[in-house]
Amino acid sequence: MRSLCWLPVVLALAAWEPLSSPDPDVTAGNEAYAAGRWDDAIAAYERARGSGVDEAGLAYNLGTARLRKAEAGAPEARGDLVERGLADLRAGGDLEGSGLRAQALYNTGNAQRAAGQLDEAIDSYKQAARQPGARRRAGQPPS
C-alpha cells in the first residue's frame, strides 16, 4: 500500500517539463536547419554531442545538415562536406536499434546520386527499401 502512495509523485515527475523537454541545442539545430542556416544547424548539433541526447538521431541530423550545406555551397567545398555527411549518416544508421538505417541509407543514396555515383546510389536505395519500417509507397521518401 505504501508503494502506491508514491505512484502519483512518480507520474507527476514524469510529466514535469524539465525532465521531458528537448535538448536546447538540438532544438536550435532543428530551427536553423528548417531555415536553411546550415552552419548554425551543424554548430548546434555539434554542441549537443555528449549531452545525453540520442546519438543516432544526432548523427543523422549532422549528416543531413552537412549534405544540405554541400548542395548549397561552392563546388570546391563539397567534397569534404559530403564525405563527413556520409560518415555521419553511416554512424547514425549503424547504431544498434537506432531505427534510422532506412532514412540514413536513403539520404546516402541521394548524396551519391548527386555526386554521379549512380551504381552506389542504387545500392543504397535498395538497402533502404529492405530495412524494417521503410516506407514502401512510391514517391514518398523517409522523413
N, C-alpha and C. Protein backbone atom coordinates (compact mmCIF):
# COMPACT_ATOMS: atom_id res chain seq x y z
N MET A 1 0.82 -1.19 0.00
CA MET A 1 0.00 0.00 0.00
C MET A 1 0.86 1.25 0.00
N ARG A 2 1.95 1.20 0.77
CA ARG A 2 2.81 2.36 0.88
C ARG A 2 3.43 2.73 -0.47
N SER A 3 3.79 1.71 -1.28
CA SER A 3 4.39 1.99 -2.58
C SER A 3 3.39 2.65 -3.52
N LEU A 4 2.12 2.41 -3.34
CA LEU A 4 1.10 3.06 -4.17
C LEU A 4 1.02 4.55 -3.91
N CYS A 5 1.42 4.98 -2.72
CA CYS A 5 1.41 6.40 -2.39
C CYS A 5 2.40 7.17 -3.25
N TRP A 6 3.47 6.52 -3.69
CA TRP A 6 4.48 7.17 -4.50
C TRP A 6 4.10 7.25 -5.98
N LEU A 7 3.12 6.49 -6.40
CA LEU A 7 2.72 6.46 -7.80
C LEU A 7 2.35 7.84 -8.33
N PRO A 8 1.50 8.62 -7.64
CA PRO A 8 1.19 9.95 -8.17
C PRO A 8 2.42 10.85 -8.27
N VAL A 9 3.35 10.73 -7.33
CA VAL A 9 4.56 11.54 -7.37
C VAL A 9 5.41 11.17 -8.58
N VAL A 10 5.58 9.89 -8.82
CA VAL A 10 6.36 9.43 -9.97
C VAL A 10 5.72 9.89 -11.27
N LEU A 11 4.42 9.76 -11.38
CA LEU A 11 3.72 10.19 -12.60
C LEU A 11 3.83 11.69 -12.80
N ALA A 12 3.75 12.45 -11.72
CA ALA A 12 3.88 13.90 -11.82
C ALA A 12 5.28 14.28 -12.28
N LEU A 13 6.30 13.62 -11.75
CA LEU A 13 7.66 13.91 -12.17
C LEU A 13 7.91 13.53 -13.62
N ALA A 14 7.29 12.46 -14.07
CA ALA A 14 7.45 12.03 -15.46
C ALA A 14 6.90 13.08 -16.42
N ALA A 15 5.89 13.79 -16.01
CA ALA A 15 5.29 14.81 -16.86
C ALA A 15 5.91 16.18 -16.65
N TRP A 16 6.81 16.31 -15.67
CA TRP A 16 7.42 17.60 -15.37
C TRP A 16 8.27 18.04 -16.55
N GLU A 17 8.06 19.23 -17.02
CA GLU A 17 8.68 19.75 -18.23
C GLU A 17 10.21 19.66 -18.25
N PRO A 18 10.94 20.05 -17.19
CA PRO A 18 12.40 19.96 -17.29
C PRO A 18 12.91 18.54 -17.51
N LEU A 19 12.18 17.54 -17.07
CA LEU A 19 12.63 16.17 -17.28
C LEU A 19 12.32 15.64 -18.67
N SER A 20 11.36 16.24 -19.33
CA SER A 20 10.97 15.73 -20.64
C SER A 20 11.22 16.72 -21.77
N SER A 21 11.80 17.89 -21.46
CA SER A 21 12.00 18.88 -22.50
C SER A 21 13.17 18.49 -23.40
N PRO A 22 13.09 18.88 -24.68
CA PRO A 22 14.15 18.53 -25.62
C PRO A 22 15.43 19.32 -25.32
N ASP A 23 16.52 18.82 -25.82
CA ASP A 23 17.80 19.49 -25.66
C ASP A 23 17.75 20.83 -26.41
N PRO A 24 18.17 21.93 -25.76
CA PRO A 24 18.09 23.24 -26.42
C PRO A 24 18.98 23.35 -27.65
N ASP A 25 20.12 22.66 -27.65
CA ASP A 25 20.98 22.70 -28.83
C ASP A 25 20.37 21.96 -30.01
N VAL A 26 19.72 20.84 -29.74
CA VAL A 26 19.04 20.11 -30.81
C VAL A 26 17.88 20.94 -31.35
N THR A 27 17.14 21.58 -30.46
CA THR A 27 16.05 22.45 -30.89
C THR A 27 16.58 23.58 -31.75
N ALA A 28 17.67 24.21 -31.31
CA ALA A 28 18.27 25.29 -32.10
C ALA A 28 18.75 24.77 -33.44
N GLY A 29 19.34 23.59 -33.45
CA GLY A 29 19.79 22.99 -34.71
C GLY A 29 18.64 22.70 -35.65
N ASN A 30 17.54 22.19 -35.11
CA ASN A 30 16.38 21.91 -35.94
C ASN A 30 15.78 23.18 -36.53
N GLU A 31 15.75 24.25 -35.73
CA GLU A 31 15.22 25.52 -36.21
C GLU A 31 16.12 26.10 -37.30
N ALA A 32 17.44 26.04 -37.08
CA ALA A 32 18.38 26.54 -38.08
C ALA A 32 18.29 25.71 -39.37
N TYR A 33 18.14 24.40 -39.22
CA TYR A 33 18.01 23.52 -40.39
C TYR A 33 16.76 23.90 -41.19
N ALA A 34 15.65 24.09 -40.50
CA ALA A 34 14.40 24.43 -41.17
C ALA A 34 14.51 25.76 -41.91
N ALA A 35 15.35 26.67 -41.40
CA ALA A 35 15.53 27.98 -42.03
C ALA A 35 16.64 27.97 -43.09
N GLY A 36 17.29 26.82 -43.27
CA GLY A 36 18.34 26.73 -44.27
C GLY A 36 19.66 27.33 -43.82
N ARG A 37 19.84 27.52 -42.54
CA ARG A 37 21.10 28.04 -41.99
C ARG A 37 21.96 26.85 -41.58
N TRP A 38 22.63 26.27 -42.57
CA TRP A 38 23.33 25.01 -42.38
C TRP A 38 24.47 25.11 -41.37
N ASP A 39 25.25 26.19 -41.42
CA ASP A 39 26.36 26.33 -40.47
C ASP A 39 25.85 26.39 -39.03
N ASP A 40 24.78 27.14 -38.82
CA ASP A 40 24.20 27.23 -37.47
C ASP A 40 23.65 25.88 -37.01
N ALA A 41 23.02 25.15 -37.92
CA ALA A 41 22.48 23.84 -37.57
C ALA A 41 23.60 22.88 -37.19
N ILE A 42 24.65 22.85 -37.99
CA ILE A 42 25.77 21.95 -37.71
C ILE A 42 26.42 22.30 -36.38
N ALA A 43 26.62 23.59 -36.13
CA ALA A 43 27.23 24.02 -34.87
C ALA A 43 26.37 23.62 -33.67
N ALA A 44 25.07 23.79 -33.79
CA ALA A 44 24.17 23.45 -32.68
C ALA A 44 24.17 21.94 -32.44
N TYR A 45 24.14 21.16 -33.50
CA TYR A 45 24.17 19.70 -33.33
C TYR A 45 25.50 19.26 -32.71
N GLU A 46 26.58 19.89 -33.11
CA GLU A 46 27.89 19.55 -32.54
C GLU A 46 27.91 19.86 -31.04
N ARG A 47 27.31 20.99 -30.64
CA ARG A 47 27.26 21.33 -29.22
C ARG A 47 26.45 20.31 -28.42
N ALA A 48 25.48 19.68 -29.05
CA ALA A 48 24.61 18.73 -28.36
C ALA A 48 25.29 17.39 -28.11
N ARG A 49 26.40 17.13 -28.78
CA ARG A 49 27.10 15.85 -28.60
C ARG A 49 27.51 15.66 -27.15
N GLY A 50 27.28 14.46 -26.65
CA GLY A 50 27.69 14.12 -25.30
C GLY A 50 26.79 14.67 -24.21
N SER A 51 25.66 15.25 -24.58
CA SER A 51 24.77 15.83 -23.57
C SER A 51 23.62 14.89 -23.20
N GLY A 52 23.70 13.65 -23.64
CA GLY A 52 22.67 12.69 -23.29
C GLY A 52 21.58 12.54 -24.33
N VAL A 53 21.68 13.24 -25.45
CA VAL A 53 20.67 13.09 -26.50
C VAL A 53 20.93 11.81 -27.28
N ASP A 54 19.97 11.39 -28.04
CA ASP A 54 20.06 10.20 -28.87
C ASP A 54 21.18 10.38 -29.89
N GLU A 55 22.26 9.63 -29.74
CA GLU A 55 23.43 9.79 -30.61
C GLU A 55 23.14 9.43 -32.06
N ALA A 56 22.29 8.44 -32.28
CA ALA A 56 21.94 8.05 -33.64
C ALA A 56 21.19 9.18 -34.34
N GLY A 57 20.22 9.74 -33.65
CA GLY A 57 19.46 10.86 -34.22
C GLY A 57 20.34 12.06 -34.47
N LEU A 58 21.25 12.32 -33.56
CA LEU A 58 22.16 13.44 -33.70
C LEU A 58 23.09 13.25 -34.89
N ALA A 59 23.63 12.04 -35.06
CA ALA A 59 24.49 11.76 -36.20
C ALA A 59 23.71 11.90 -37.50
N TYR A 60 22.47 11.44 -37.51
CA TYR A 60 21.62 11.58 -38.70
C TYR A 60 21.40 13.06 -39.02
N ASN A 61 21.07 13.85 -38.00
CA ASN A 61 20.84 15.28 -38.21
C ASN A 61 22.11 15.97 -38.73
N LEU A 62 23.25 15.65 -38.14
CA LEU A 62 24.52 16.25 -38.58
C LEU A 62 24.82 15.89 -40.02
N GLY A 63 24.68 14.61 -40.35
CA GLY A 63 24.96 14.18 -41.71
C GLY A 63 24.05 14.84 -42.73
N THR A 64 22.79 14.91 -42.41
CA THR A 64 21.82 15.52 -43.33
C THR A 64 22.10 17.01 -43.49
N ALA A 65 22.42 17.70 -42.40
CA ALA A 65 22.73 19.13 -42.48
C ALA A 65 24.00 19.36 -43.31
N ARG A 66 25.00 18.52 -43.12
CA ARG A 66 26.24 18.67 -43.91
C ARG A 66 25.98 18.44 -45.39
N LEU A 67 25.15 17.46 -45.71
CA LEU A 67 24.85 17.20 -47.12
C LEU A 67 24.06 18.35 -47.73
N ARG A 68 23.13 18.92 -46.97
CA ARG A 68 22.37 20.08 -47.48
C ARG A 68 23.29 21.27 -47.69
N LYS A 69 24.24 21.48 -46.78
CA LYS A 69 25.21 22.57 -46.94
C LYS A 69 26.05 22.33 -48.18
N ALA A 70 26.45 21.10 -48.42
CA ALA A 70 27.25 20.76 -49.60
C ALA A 70 26.46 21.06 -50.88
N GLU A 71 25.17 20.75 -50.88
CA GLU A 71 24.34 21.03 -52.06
C GLU A 71 24.28 22.52 -52.35
N ALA A 72 24.22 23.32 -51.29
CA ALA A 72 24.05 24.77 -51.44
C ALA A 72 25.36 25.52 -51.60
N GLY A 73 26.48 24.87 -51.29
CA GLY A 73 27.76 25.57 -51.23
C GLY A 73 28.54 25.56 -52.53
N ALA A 74 29.72 26.14 -52.42
CA ALA A 74 30.63 26.21 -53.55
C ALA A 74 31.15 24.82 -53.89
N PRO A 75 31.33 24.53 -55.18
CA PRO A 75 31.77 23.19 -55.59
C PRO A 75 33.09 22.75 -54.95
N GLU A 76 34.02 23.67 -54.71
CA GLU A 76 35.31 23.27 -54.15
C GLU A 76 35.22 22.81 -52.70
N ALA A 77 34.15 23.18 -52.00
CA ALA A 77 33.99 22.79 -50.59
C ALA A 77 33.11 21.55 -50.44
N ARG A 78 32.53 21.08 -51.49
CA ARG A 78 31.56 19.98 -51.40
C ARG A 78 32.17 18.65 -51.00
N GLY A 79 33.33 18.33 -51.50
CA GLY A 79 33.90 17.00 -51.28
C GLY A 79 34.03 16.64 -49.81
N ASP A 80 34.63 17.51 -49.03
CA ASP A 80 34.81 17.24 -47.61
C ASP A 80 33.47 17.19 -46.88
N LEU A 81 32.56 18.09 -47.22
CA LEU A 81 31.25 18.10 -46.57
C LEU A 81 30.47 16.83 -46.87
N VAL A 82 30.51 16.41 -48.11
CA VAL A 82 29.80 15.19 -48.49
C VAL A 82 30.41 13.99 -47.77
N GLU A 83 31.74 13.93 -47.75
CA GLU A 83 32.41 12.83 -47.07
C GLU A 83 32.04 12.77 -45.59
N ARG A 84 32.09 13.92 -44.92
CA ARG A 84 31.74 13.97 -43.49
C ARG A 84 30.26 13.69 -43.27
N GLY A 85 29.41 14.21 -44.16
CA GLY A 85 27.98 13.96 -44.04
C GLY A 85 27.64 12.49 -44.18
N LEU A 86 28.27 11.83 -45.15
CA LEU A 86 28.04 10.40 -45.35
C LEU A 86 28.55 9.59 -44.15
N ALA A 87 29.68 10.00 -43.59
CA ALA A 87 30.20 9.32 -42.40
C ALA A 87 29.23 9.45 -41.23
N ASP A 88 28.66 10.64 -41.07
CA ASP A 88 27.66 10.85 -40.01
C ASP A 88 26.43 9.99 -40.24
N LEU A 89 25.97 9.93 -41.48
CA LEU A 89 24.79 9.10 -41.77
C LEU A 89 25.07 7.64 -41.50
N ARG A 90 26.26 7.18 -41.86
CA ARG A 90 26.61 5.79 -41.56
C ARG A 90 26.61 5.55 -40.06
N ALA A 91 27.17 6.50 -39.31
CA ALA A 91 27.21 6.35 -37.84
C ALA A 91 25.80 6.29 -37.28
N GLY A 92 24.92 7.14 -37.76
CA GLY A 92 23.54 7.13 -37.27
C GLY A 92 22.80 5.87 -37.64
N GLY A 93 23.04 5.38 -38.85
CA GLY A 93 22.37 4.18 -39.31
C GLY A 93 22.94 2.90 -38.73
N ASP A 94 24.19 2.95 -38.27
CA ASP A 94 24.84 1.75 -37.75
C ASP A 94 24.60 1.53 -36.26
N LEU A 95 24.17 2.56 -35.54
CA LEU A 95 23.97 2.40 -34.11
C LEU A 95 22.86 1.40 -33.85
N GLU A 96 23.11 0.50 -32.94
CA GLU A 96 22.18 -0.58 -32.62
C GLU A 96 20.80 -0.05 -32.26
N GLY A 97 19.79 -0.53 -32.95
CA GLY A 97 18.42 -0.17 -32.63
C GLY A 97 18.07 1.28 -32.91
N SER A 98 18.82 1.94 -33.78
CA SER A 98 18.58 3.36 -34.00
C SER A 98 17.28 3.61 -34.75
N GLY A 99 16.86 2.69 -35.58
CA GLY A 99 15.65 2.90 -36.36
C GLY A 99 15.84 3.91 -37.48
N LEU A 100 17.04 4.38 -37.67
CA LEU A 100 17.32 5.39 -38.68
C LEU A 100 18.01 4.83 -39.92
N ARG A 101 18.23 3.54 -39.91
CA ARG A 101 19.01 2.95 -41.00
C ARG A 101 18.39 3.22 -42.37
N ALA A 102 17.10 3.04 -42.52
CA ALA A 102 16.46 3.27 -43.82
C ALA A 102 16.59 4.72 -44.25
N GLN A 103 16.36 5.63 -43.34
CA GLN A 103 16.46 7.05 -43.67
C GLN A 103 17.89 7.45 -44.01
N ALA A 104 18.85 6.93 -43.24
CA ALA A 104 20.25 7.24 -43.49
C ALA A 104 20.69 6.70 -44.85
N LEU A 105 20.27 5.49 -45.18
CA LEU A 105 20.62 4.91 -46.48
C LEU A 105 19.96 5.67 -47.62
N TYR A 106 18.74 6.11 -47.43
CA TYR A 106 18.05 6.89 -48.47
C TYR A 106 18.80 8.20 -48.72
N ASN A 107 19.15 8.91 -47.65
CA ASN A 107 19.88 10.17 -47.81
C ASN A 107 21.27 9.93 -48.39
N THR A 108 21.89 8.81 -48.03
CA THR A 108 23.17 8.45 -48.62
C THR A 108 23.01 8.26 -50.13
N GLY A 109 21.95 7.59 -50.53
CA GLY A 109 21.67 7.41 -51.96
C GLY A 109 21.48 8.73 -52.67
N ASN A 110 20.80 9.66 -52.03
CA ASN A 110 20.61 10.99 -52.63
C ASN A 110 21.94 11.68 -52.86
N ALA A 111 22.82 11.63 -51.86
CA ALA A 111 24.13 12.27 -51.98
C ALA A 111 24.96 11.58 -53.06
N GLN A 112 24.92 10.27 -53.12
CA GLN A 112 25.67 9.54 -54.13
C GLN A 112 25.13 9.86 -55.52
N ARG A 113 23.81 9.95 -55.66
CA ARG A 113 23.21 10.29 -56.96
C ARG A 113 23.68 11.67 -57.40
N ALA A 114 23.66 12.64 -56.47
CA ALA A 114 24.08 14.00 -56.79
C ALA A 114 25.55 14.06 -57.19
N ALA A 115 26.36 13.15 -56.64
CA ALA A 115 27.79 13.10 -56.95
C ALA A 115 28.08 12.29 -58.21
N GLY A 116 27.03 11.76 -58.84
CA GLY A 116 27.21 10.98 -60.06
C GLY A 116 27.59 9.54 -59.80
N GLN A 117 27.51 9.09 -58.58
CA GLN A 117 27.83 7.70 -58.22
C GLN A 117 26.55 6.87 -58.30
N LEU A 118 26.09 6.64 -59.51
CA LEU A 118 24.78 6.06 -59.72
C LEU A 118 24.67 4.62 -59.24
N ASP A 119 25.68 3.80 -59.48
CA ASP A 119 25.62 2.41 -59.01
C ASP A 119 25.55 2.35 -57.49
N GLU A 120 26.36 3.17 -56.83
CA GLU A 120 26.34 3.21 -55.37
C GLU A 120 25.00 3.72 -54.84
N ALA A 121 24.45 4.72 -55.53
CA ALA A 121 23.16 5.27 -55.12
C ALA A 121 22.07 4.22 -55.23
N ILE A 122 22.05 3.49 -56.32
CA ILE A 122 21.04 2.43 -56.49
C ILE A 122 21.16 1.40 -55.39
N ASP A 123 22.40 1.03 -55.06
CA ASP A 123 22.62 0.06 -53.99
C ASP A 123 22.11 0.62 -52.65
N SER A 124 22.37 1.89 -52.37
CA SER A 124 21.89 2.49 -51.11
C SER A 124 20.36 2.52 -51.07
N TYR A 125 19.73 2.87 -52.19
CA TYR A 125 18.26 2.89 -52.23
C TYR A 125 17.68 1.50 -52.00
N LYS A 126 18.31 0.50 -52.61
CA LYS A 126 17.83 -0.88 -52.43
C LYS A 126 17.96 -1.31 -50.97
N GLN A 127 19.11 -0.98 -50.36
CA GLN A 127 19.30 -1.31 -48.95
C GLN A 127 18.28 -0.60 -48.08
N ALA A 128 17.98 0.66 -48.41
CA ALA A 128 16.99 1.42 -47.64
C ALA A 128 15.62 0.76 -47.73
N ALA A 129 15.27 0.31 -48.91
CA ALA A 129 13.95 -0.30 -49.10
C ALA A 129 13.81 -1.62 -48.36
N ARG A 130 14.93 -2.29 -48.10
CA ARG A 130 14.89 -3.58 -47.40
C ARG A 130 14.83 -3.45 -45.88
N GLN A 131 14.99 -2.25 -45.37
CA GLN A 131 15.05 -2.07 -43.92
C GLN A 131 13.65 -2.17 -43.30
N PRO A 132 13.59 -2.71 -42.09
CA PRO A 132 12.30 -2.74 -41.38
C PRO A 132 11.79 -1.31 -41.18
N GLY A 133 10.54 -1.12 -41.45
CA GLY A 133 9.93 0.19 -41.25
C GLY A 133 10.11 1.15 -42.40
N ALA A 134 10.79 0.72 -43.48
CA ALA A 134 10.96 1.60 -44.63
C ALA A 134 9.61 1.82 -45.28
N ARG A 135 9.38 3.04 -45.70
CA ARG A 135 8.11 3.34 -46.38
C ARG A 135 8.14 2.71 -47.76
N ARG A 136 7.06 2.10 -48.09
CA ARG A 136 7.01 1.35 -49.36
C ARG A 136 6.25 2.08 -50.46
N ARG A 137 5.64 3.21 -50.16
CA ARG A 137 4.86 3.91 -51.19
C ARG A 137 5.80 4.67 -52.11
N ALA A 138 5.56 4.55 -53.39
CA ALA A 138 6.41 5.25 -54.36
C ALA A 138 6.26 6.75 -54.19
N GLY A 139 7.36 7.44 -54.35
CA GLY A 139 7.34 8.90 -54.30
C GLY A 139 7.34 9.47 -52.89
N GLN A 140 7.44 8.66 -51.87
CA GLN A 140 7.44 9.19 -50.52
C GLN A 140 8.71 8.74 -49.79
N PRO A 141 9.73 9.61 -49.80
CA PRO A 141 10.99 9.24 -49.14
C PRO A 141 10.83 9.26 -47.63
N PRO A 142 11.69 8.56 -46.94
CA PRO A 142 11.67 8.62 -45.47
C PRO A 142 11.89 10.04 -45.00
N SER A 143 11.30 10.38 -43.90
CA SER A 143 11.47 11.74 -43.39
C SER A 143 12.57 11.78 -42.38
